[in-house]
Amino acid sequence: MAQIDTSDKGGKKKKGAQKKMQVHVDFTPMVDMNMLLITFFMLCTTMIKSQTLQIVLPTNEDVKKEQQSQAKQSEAVTLILDTEYNGDKPATDAETGKTIHNIYYYEGIADTTFSSPKYLQKEQFVGNMNHEPQGIRKILRSKNEQVMAEYVKLKEQWKNKEITKEEFDKQAKANAADSLKTRPVVVIKPGPNTTYEGLINAIDEMNINQISRYSIELPTHTDTVLLRHFEQANNETIIRPTVRNRAAHMTATAPAAGESTPNP
């Protein structure tokens, strides 16, 4: 609290001189109040959460060890991811402004004899149009029809408040892992020019289509053979020098400021 001392300490004063007042302020209560407020805000404020992306991959704990690397040919789908580039930057669609990601996929075992016209097919991440799946989503959903049909029923029950959110999550998880249903096994293979966004889009499609069995691997020599043949058959350029490595090399070999480029 503040105190004002007006006491006369003696001594002669001039006539008409004003009395000097000494003000003393005790800040102890204010410090106590500040400490209480700091404690209150520390207990009631939510701290900044980590902005890193957590990828939850499917578990193999309910699959026998000898079955983890095996899948029926009719259930297997392999996705080879690629991103288009304009120079050193990812190409974007003129209408949507989104990065153009291509998916080259094949079902079952890779056909290196090219006897089937569908030895390798091309799709993109399109999503839904008029509430109907398009692009790679349509392909994946058709391979997981039984699971998705049950998932739609569960979603309607939750929307109609027939089951709780906890019950919906539990039953949806059990439905996605139901071994009695025909379910695909998807192998995702990011190419050297695939951006992080392309890989995340592929994982999103797994979650949207309730596909619980998938893995992420590197492309093999067989995949390269398929892409080479697809290039020749469709007059496209798929396999090219890694854009990011080329850009780094150009930066490293570029002349510094004030230096001249030697003549060839």
Foldseek 3Di string as FASTA:
>chain_A
DKDKDQDDPDDDDDPPDDGDIDIDDDCVVVVVVVVVVVVVCVVPPDDDDDPDDDDDAFDCPVPDPVCLPDDDQQQEKEWEKAWPDDQLHFDADPPPRHGWMKIKMDGGDQDLVCPDVVSIDIWTCDQDDPNHGDTVLNVQLVQQVQLVVVLVVLVVCCVVVVDDPVVSVVVNLCSLVPPVGRHHAYEYAYALQDDPVRVVSVSVSCVVSSHRHYYYDHDDPSVVSVVVVVCVVVVDDGDDPHSVVVVVVCVVPPDDPPDDDDDD
